[in-house]
Amino acid sequence: MSDSPPSQISPEAAPESAATENRSAKTRQLLGMKGAASGETSIWKIRLQLMKPITWIPLIWGVVCGAASSGNYVWNLENFLIAAACMLMSGPLLTGYTQTLNDFYDRDIDAINEPYRPIPSGIISIPQVVTQILVLLAAGIGVAYALDLWAGHEFPIMTVLTLGGAFLAYIYSAPPLKLKQNGWLGNYALGASYIALPWWAGQALFGTLDPTIMILTLFYSLAGLGIAIVNDFKSVEGDRQLGLKSLPVMFGISTAAWICVLMIDIFQAGIAGYLISIHQNLYAVILLLLIIPQITFQDMYFLRNPLENDVKYQASAQPFLVLGMLVAALALGHAS
């Protein structure tokens, strides 16, 4: 039998473990995730952190879903490049604008919840942040206008969607409206921005944005509201101190967690029901099957400890939700 305790870490392994942990914290910092490291000095990495690249993915995916649901997307180099430009507009430019704007107006609450963020930590100045907000917004509008020209739109729908999304982002973060102060309004605005708006952009670019698609994606955005609630659990203490009425503050941790998962599951099931009504039964069954692992991870992680397991739950369950979005989009494209 060995005399050394099995849990003892050798001196050689300790620096390696610390280095791995440091790299992980640096990665989280660059992506704009919770639990990031502090002390970054590169201004471009700091600017990227403000834009939170991890949040671009749903918007990029929403464009893919919109293109798929249009029923008109054809795989060729031109369409691929145009779709990539739309993803650039929706993800890095407009989502980057939204996240930077949000950090600008949330600098007081971030000083409590996430003091390592660039603005409360003082590693970037306010004028630099304002310049970044304006440049990203102008670039997003410019790309949207160029996409309208490419598509030959008589009505500049891409530009209008961009301006509408930018305005929604502003009233979400900025006083006096500051929608995020209300757990329901703020999270629905966030859910619609992540699901409906990029979907509309992809749909309008390659097809026609009709009322059915708009209503259906706004309904789908109620599942996005549930996803948005997950993000509220990391800032409960700061929200409570500053009087923000997030759902965890209003209803308590446990009740808010149940509201969150029920929103996510019920409204996805509602979309599956709509697919059955338009005789897209196979797609509906696939969508329902994709809800099952989400429920499993909700039980394994989120409902048991939403404060500690929010990131783990999102990483485990959200791939199935976004895959379900594409299934629904393909069904709508097939039906059209």
Protein backbone atom coordinates (compact mmCIF):
# COMPACT_ATOMS: atom_id res chain seq x y z
CA MET A 1 0.00 0.00 0.00
CA SER A 2 1.28 3.48 -0.88
CA ASP A 3 2.13 5.82 2.00
CA SER A 4 1.15 8.95 0.07
CA PRO A 5 -2.46 10.16 0.05
CA PRO A 6 -4.19 9.41 -3.28
CA SER A 7 -5.42 13.02 -3.57
CA GLN A 8 -1.94 14.55 -3.25
CA ILE A 9 -0.83 16.59 -6.28
CA SER A 10 2.82 16.35 -7.19
CA PRO A 11 4.85 19.60 -7.24
CA GLU A 12 5.47 19.10 -10.98
CA ALA A 13 1.73 18.84 -11.72
CA ALA A 14 0.76 21.98 -9.78
CA PRO A 15 2.29 24.55 -12.20
CA GLU A 16 0.83 22.66 -15.17
CA SER A 17 -2.63 22.68 -13.57
CA ALA A 18 -2.33 26.39 -12.79
CA ALA A 19 -1.23 27.13 -16.36
CA THR A 20 -4.19 25.20 -17.77
CA GLU A 21 -6.57 27.06 -15.49
CA ASN A 22 -5.02 30.38 -16.49
CA ARG A 23 -5.41 29.58 -20.19
CA SER A 24 -9.03 28.65 -19.60
CA ALA A 25 -9.67 31.94 -17.76
CA LYS A 26 -7.99 33.88 -20.57
CA THR A 27 -10.20 32.14 -23.14
CA ARG A 28 -13.32 32.95 -21.12
CA GLN A 29 -12.14 36.54 -20.94
CA LEU A 30 -11.71 36.80 -24.72
CA LEU A 31 -15.11 35.23 -25.41
CA GLY A 32 -16.88 37.39 -22.82
CA MET A 33 -17.89 34.50 -20.56
CA LYS A 34 -18.41 34.36 -16.81
CA GLY A 35 -15.37 33.52 -14.72
CA ALA A 36 -12.89 35.39 -16.91
CA ALA A 37 -9.38 36.46 -16.03
CA SER A 38 -8.34 40.07 -15.57
CA GLY A 39 -5.24 41.96 -16.55
CA GLU A 40 -5.45 41.92 -20.36
CA THR A 41 -3.43 44.75 -21.92
CA SER A 42 -3.96 44.34 -25.68
CA ILE A 43 -6.52 46.97 -26.74
CA TRP A 44 -7.82 44.74 -29.56
CA LYS A 45 -8.41 41.82 -27.21
CA ILE A 46 -10.13 44.21 -24.81
CA ARG A 47 -12.38 45.48 -27.61
CA LEU A 48 -13.17 41.90 -28.60
CA GLN A 49 -14.02 41.05 -25.00
CA LEU A 50 -16.53 43.92 -24.97
CA MET A 51 -18.19 42.44 -28.07
CA LYS A 52 -18.60 39.01 -26.35
CA PRO A 53 -17.95 36.67 -29.31
CA ILE A 54 -19.71 33.80 -27.53
CA THR A 55 -23.00 35.67 -28.07
CA TRP A 56 -22.55 35.96 -31.85
CA ILE A 57 -23.30 32.29 -32.48
CA PRO A 58 -27.12 32.36 -32.02
CA LEU A 59 -27.42 35.38 -34.32
CA ILE A 60 -25.30 33.74 -37.02
CA TRP A 61 -27.37 30.59 -36.66
CA GLY A 62 -30.59 32.62 -36.90
CA VAL A 63 -29.49 33.89 -40.33
CA VAL A 64 -28.92 30.28 -41.43
CA CYS A 65 -32.43 29.40 -40.24
CA GLY A 66 -33.96 32.33 -42.10
CA ALA A 67 -32.19 31.37 -45.33
CA ALA A 68 -33.36 27.78 -44.90
CA SER A 69 -36.99 28.74 -44.19
CA SER A 70 -37.10 30.97 -47.28
CA GLY A 71 -37.03 27.87 -49.45
CA ASN A 72 -35.00 29.82 -52.02
CA TYR A 73 -31.42 29.40 -50.88
CA VAL A 74 -29.28 27.74 -53.55
CA TRP A 75 -25.76 26.58 -52.78
CA ASN A 76 -23.36 28.60 -54.90
CA LEU A 77 -20.41 30.89 -54.20
CA GLU A 78 -22.38 34.13 -54.55
CA ASN A 79 -25.13 33.08 -52.14
CA PHE A 80 -22.56 31.74 -49.69
CA LEU A 81 -20.69 35.05 -49.65
CA ILE A 82 -23.93 37.04 -49.31
CA ALA A 83 -25.05 34.82 -46.43
CA ALA A 84 -21.62 35.29 -44.80
CA ALA A 85 -22.03 39.08 -45.11
CA CYS A 86 -25.44 38.84 -43.43
CA MET A 87 -23.89 36.75 -40.63
CA LEU A 88 -21.14 39.36 -40.25
CA MET A 89 -23.81 42.04 -39.94
CA SER A 90 -25.92 40.10 -37.43
CA GLY A 91 -23.09 38.63 -35.37
CA PRO A 92 -19.82 40.56 -34.96
CA LEU A 93 -21.16 43.98 -35.99
CA LEU A 94 -24.66 44.35 -34.54
CA THR A 95 -24.33 41.86 -31.68
CA GLY A 96 -20.93 43.39 -30.94
CA TYR A 97 -22.60 46.83 -30.92
CA THR A 98 -25.34 45.55 -28.62
CA GLN A 99 -22.94 43.93 -26.15
CA THR A 100 -20.61 46.94 -26.04
CA LEU A 101 -23.58 49.26 -25.54
CA ASN A 102 -24.89 47.00 -22.77
CA ASP A 103 -21.52 46.97 -21.01
CA PHE A 104 -21.41 50.77 -21.26
CA TYR A 105 -24.74 51.18 -19.47
CA ASP A 106 -24.10 48.26 -17.09
CA ARG A 107 -20.73 49.44 -15.84
CA ASP A 108 -22.08 50.05 -12.31
CA ILE A 109 -23.69 46.64 -11.98
CA ASP A 110 -20.68 44.93 -13.57
CA ALA A 111 -18.51 46.55 -10.90
CA ILE A 112 -20.45 44.36 -8.45
CA ASN A 113 -21.03 41.16 -10.46
CA GLU A 114 -18.12 41.04 -12.91
CA PRO A 115 -15.44 43.57 -11.86
CA TYR A 116 -12.95 42.02 -14.32
CA ARG A 117 -15.03 43.36 -17.28
CA PRO A 118 -13.09 45.96 -19.32
CA ILE A 119 -15.04 49.08 -18.30
CA PRO A 120 -15.33 48.63 -14.50
CA SER A 121 -11.73 47.41 -14.34
CA GLY A 122 -10.60 50.64 -16.03
CA ILE A 123 -8.52 49.02 -18.79
CA ILE A 124 -10.44 50.88 -21.53
CA SER A 125 -11.64 54.48 -21.40
CA ILE A 126 -15.24 55.65 -21.87
CA PRO A 127 -14.42 57.62 -25.09
CA GLN A 128 -12.86 54.46 -26.56
CA VAL A 129 -16.00 52.48 -25.71
CA VAL A 130 -18.29 55.12 -27.26
CA THR A 131 -16.20 55.12 -30.45
CA GLN A 132 -16.48 51.33 -30.65
CA ILE A 133 -20.27 51.50 -30.28
CA LEU A 134 -20.61 54.06 -33.09
CA VAL A 135 -18.20 52.29 -35.47
CA LEU A 136 -19.92 48.91 -35.06
CA LEU A 137 -23.37 50.45 -35.57
CA ALA A 138 -22.29 52.36 -38.69
CA ALA A 139 -20.63 49.26 -40.15
CA GLY A 140 -23.76 47.17 -39.49
CA ILE A 141 -26.01 49.70 -41.21
CA GLY A 142 -23.58 49.92 -44.14
CA VAL A 143 -23.56 46.14 -44.66
CA ALA A 144 -27.37 46.03 -44.39
CA TYR A 145 -27.72 48.70 -47.08
CA ALA A 146 -25.31 46.81 -49.35
CA LEU A 147 -27.38 43.63 -48.88
CA ASP A 148 -30.54 45.54 -49.86
CA LEU A 149 -28.78 46.65 -53.05
CA TRP A 150 -27.69 43.09 -53.84
CA ALA A 151 -31.18 41.68 -53.29
CA GLY A 152 -32.79 44.48 -55.33
CA HIS A 153 -35.24 45.35 -52.57
CA GLU A 154 -37.57 48.20 -53.50
CA PHE A 155 -38.15 48.68 -49.77
CA PRO A 156 -34.83 48.56 -47.84
CA ILE A 157 -35.98 45.80 -45.49
CA MET A 158 -32.46 44.80 -44.36
CA THR A 159 -31.63 48.39 -43.41
CA VAL A 160 -34.95 48.81 -41.59
CA LEU A 161 -34.42 45.57 -39.67
CA THR A 162 -30.94 46.78 -38.70
CA LEU A 163 -32.20 50.14 -37.49
CA GLY A 164 -35.04 48.47 -35.60
CA GLY A 165 -32.66 46.01 -33.95
CA ALA A 166 -30.24 48.81 -33.02
CA PHE A 167 -33.08 50.80 -31.46
CA LEU A 168 -34.29 47.74 -29.54
CA ALA A 169 -30.75 47.19 -28.25
CA TYR A 170 -30.60 50.81 -27.12
CA ILE A 171 -33.88 50.80 -25.18
CA TYR A 172 -32.94 47.41 -23.72
CA SER A 173 -29.81 48.84 -22.10
CA ALA A 174 -30.27 52.59 -21.80
CA PRO A 175 -32.44 54.70 -19.49
CA PRO A 176 -35.12 55.85 -19.23
CA LEU A 177 -36.81 52.72 -20.69
CA LYS A 178 -33.98 50.22 -19.93
CA LEU A 179 -36.13 47.18 -20.70
CA LYS A 180 -33.73 44.88 -18.90
CA GLN A 181 -34.95 46.36 -15.60
CA ASN A 182 -38.09 44.25 -16.14
CA GLY A 183 -37.46 40.52 -16.24
CA TRP A 184 -40.29 39.83 -18.68
CA LEU A 185 -39.88 42.69 -21.16
CA GLY A 186 -36.10 42.63 -21.13
CA ASN A 187 -35.73 38.90 -21.59
CA TYR A 188 -38.34 38.77 -24.34
CA ALA A 189 -36.55 41.61 -26.16
CA LEU A 190 -33.36 39.58 -25.82
CA GLY A 191 -35.05 36.36 -26.98
CA ALA A 192 -36.57 38.08 -30.02
CA SER A 193 -33.22 39.65 -30.88
CA TYR A 194 -31.54 36.24 -30.80
CA ILE A 195 -34.20 34.30 -32.70
CA ALA A 196 -36.67 36.46 -34.63
CA LEU A 197 -34.49 39.33 -35.90
CA PRO A 198 -31.66 37.31 -37.52
CA TRP A 199 -34.24 34.83 -38.86
CA TRP A 200 -36.12 37.72 -40.47
CA ALA A 201 -32.86 38.97 -41.99
CA GLY A 202 -32.04 35.62 -43.59
CA GLN A 203 -35.65 35.19 -44.75
CA ALA A 204 -35.83 38.68 -46.28
CA LEU A 205 -32.46 38.33 -47.98
CA PHE A 206 -33.26 35.13 -49.86
CA GLY A 207 -37.06 35.17 -49.93
CA THR A 208 -40.05 37.15 -48.69
CA LEU A 209 -40.61 38.15 -45.07
CA ASP A 210 -44.31 37.42 -44.60
CA PRO A 211 -46.57 37.80 -41.53
CA THR A 212 -46.68 34.03 -40.90
CA ILE A 213 -42.91 33.81 -40.49
CA MET A 214 -42.86 36.94 -38.33
CA ILE A 215 -45.56 35.67 -35.96
CA LEU A 216 -44.09 32.17 -35.81
CA THR A 217 -40.59 33.39 -34.97
CA LEU A 218 -41.93 35.81 -32.37
CA PHE A 219 -43.67 32.79 -30.80
CA TYR A 220 -40.39 30.86 -30.99
CA SER A 221 -38.73 33.82 -29.26
CA LEU A 222 -40.68 32.96 -26.11
CA ALA A 223 -38.39 29.93 -25.85
CA GLY A 224 -35.56 32.44 -26.30
CA LEU A 225 -37.00 34.35 -23.35
CA GLY A 226 -36.38 31.25 -21.27
CA ILE A 227 -32.79 31.06 -22.49
CA ALA A 228 -32.32 34.74 -21.64
CA ILE A 229 -33.49 34.10 -18.07
CA VAL A 230 -30.56 31.69 -17.61
CA ASN A 231 -28.20 34.66 -17.89
CA ASP A 232 -29.94 36.43 -14.99
CA PHE A 233 -28.77 33.91 -12.42
CA LYS A 234 -25.13 35.07 -12.63
CA SER A 235 -26.06 38.60 -11.53
CA VAL A 236 -28.71 38.09 -8.86
CA GLU A 237 -26.83 39.92 -6.13
CA GLY A 238 -26.02 42.96 -8.25
CA ASP A 239 -29.57 43.09 -9.66
CA ARG A 240 -31.00 43.00 -6.15
CA GLN A 241 -28.71 45.78 -4.92
CA LEU A 242 -29.54 48.05 -7.87
CA GLY A 243 -33.27 47.33 -7.87
CA LEU A 244 -33.42 45.49 -11.21
CA LYS A 245 -36.47 43.23 -11.41
CA SER A 246 -34.98 40.13 -12.98
CA LEU A 247 -37.04 36.96 -12.60
CA PRO A 248 -34.68 35.39 -10.03
CA VAL A 249 -35.02 38.58 -7.95
CA MET A 250 -38.82 38.75 -8.35
CA PHE A 251 -39.68 35.07 -7.89
CA GLY A 252 -36.68 33.57 -6.13
CA ILE A 253 -34.05 31.21 -7.53
CA SER A 254 -36.09 27.98 -7.60
CA THR A 255 -39.30 29.41 -9.07
CA ALA A 256 -37.41 31.42 -11.69
CA ALA A 257 -35.51 28.28 -12.72
CA TRP A 258 -38.81 26.44 -13.29
CA ILE A 259 -40.26 29.37 -15.26
CA CYS A 260 -37.11 29.33 -17.38
CA VAL A 261 -37.21 25.64 -18.31
CA LEU A 262 -40.98 25.58 -18.88
CA MET A 263 -40.71 28.51 -21.30
CA ILE A 264 -37.94 26.76 -23.20
CA ASP A 265 -39.75 23.42 -23.48
CA ILE A 266 -43.38 24.48 -23.96
CA PHE A 267 -42.80 26.93 -26.80
CA GLN A 268 -40.53 24.55 -28.69
CA ALA A 269 -43.30 21.96 -28.39
CA GLY A 270 -45.74 24.58 -29.66
CA ILE A 271 -43.62 25.02 -32.81
CA ALA A 272 -43.67 21.24 -33.27
CA GLY A 273 -47.47 21.38 -33.01
CA TYR A 274 -47.56 24.00 -35.77
CA LEU A 275 -45.38 21.81 -37.99
CA ILE A 276 -47.87 18.98 -37.53
CA SER A 277 -50.68 21.35 -38.54
CA ILE A 278 -48.94 22.08 -41.86
CA HIS A 279 -48.28 18.34 -42.41
CA GLN A 280 -44.55 18.44 -41.70
CA ASN A 281 -44.82 15.46 -39.37
CA LEU A 282 -41.29 14.10 -39.69
CA TYR A 283 -39.74 17.47 -38.86
CA ALA A 284 -42.15 17.83 -35.93
CA VAL A 285 -41.09 14.45 -34.49
CA ILE A 286 -37.39 15.35 -34.84
CA LEU A 287 -37.99 18.66 -33.07
CA LEU A 288 -39.81 16.91 -30.22
CA LEU A 289 -36.96 14.38 -29.91
CA LEU A 290 -34.49 17.27 -29.61
CA ILE A 291 -36.42 18.62 -26.63
CA ILE A 292 -35.81 15.40 -24.64
CA PRO A 293 -32.05 15.91 -24.02
CA GLN A 294 -32.77 19.51 -23.06
CA ILE A 295 -35.17 18.32 -20.37
CA THR A 296 -32.55 15.79 -19.24
CA PHE A 297 -29.87 18.49 -18.80
CA GLN A 298 -32.37 20.77 -17.10
CA ASP A 299 -32.89 18.06 -14.47
CA MET A 300 -29.22 17.09 -14.22
CA TYR A 301 -27.79 20.59 -13.94
CA PHE A 302 -29.98 23.64 -14.02
CA LEU A 303 -32.89 22.83 -11.71
CA ARG A 304 -30.57 21.38 -9.08
CA ASN A 305 -28.32 24.43 -8.84
CA PRO A 306 -28.97 27.23 -11.35
CA LEU A 307 -26.43 29.56 -9.73
CA GLU A 308 -23.53 27.14 -10.16
CA ASN A 309 -24.60 25.18 -13.23
CA ASP A 310 -25.92 27.89 -15.57
CA VAL A 311 -22.91 27.78 -17.92
CA LYS A 312 -22.70 23.99 -17.83
CA TYR A 313 -26.42 23.75 -18.64
CA GLN A 314 -26.18 26.18 -21.55
CA ALA A 315 -23.20 24.34 -23.02
CA SER A 316 -24.99 21.00 -22.75
CA ALA A 317 -28.56 21.86 -23.74
CA GLN A 318 -28.44 24.80 -26.14
CA PRO A 319 -26.94 22.84 -29.07
CA PHE A 320 -30.15 20.81 -29.14
CA LEU A 321 -32.29 23.97 -29.07
CA VAL A 322 -30.46 25.61 -31.97
CA LEU A 323 -30.52 22.35 -33.92
CA GLY A 324 -34.28 22.32 -33.38
CA MET A 325 -34.46 25.83 -34.83
CA LEU A 326 -32.85 24.59 -38.05
CA VAL A 327 -35.21 21.61 -38.19
CA ALA A 328 -38.18 23.98 -37.93
CA ALA A 329 -36.66 26.27 -40.59
CA LEU A 330 -36.13 23.38 -43.00
CA ALA A 331 -39.71 22.29 -42.44
CA LEU A 332 -40.99 25.78 -43.26
CA GLY A 333 -38.78 25.93 -46.36
CA HIS A 334 -40.04 22.53 -47.47
CA ALA A 335 -43.65 23.56 -46.89
CA SER A 336 -43.22 26.72 -48.95
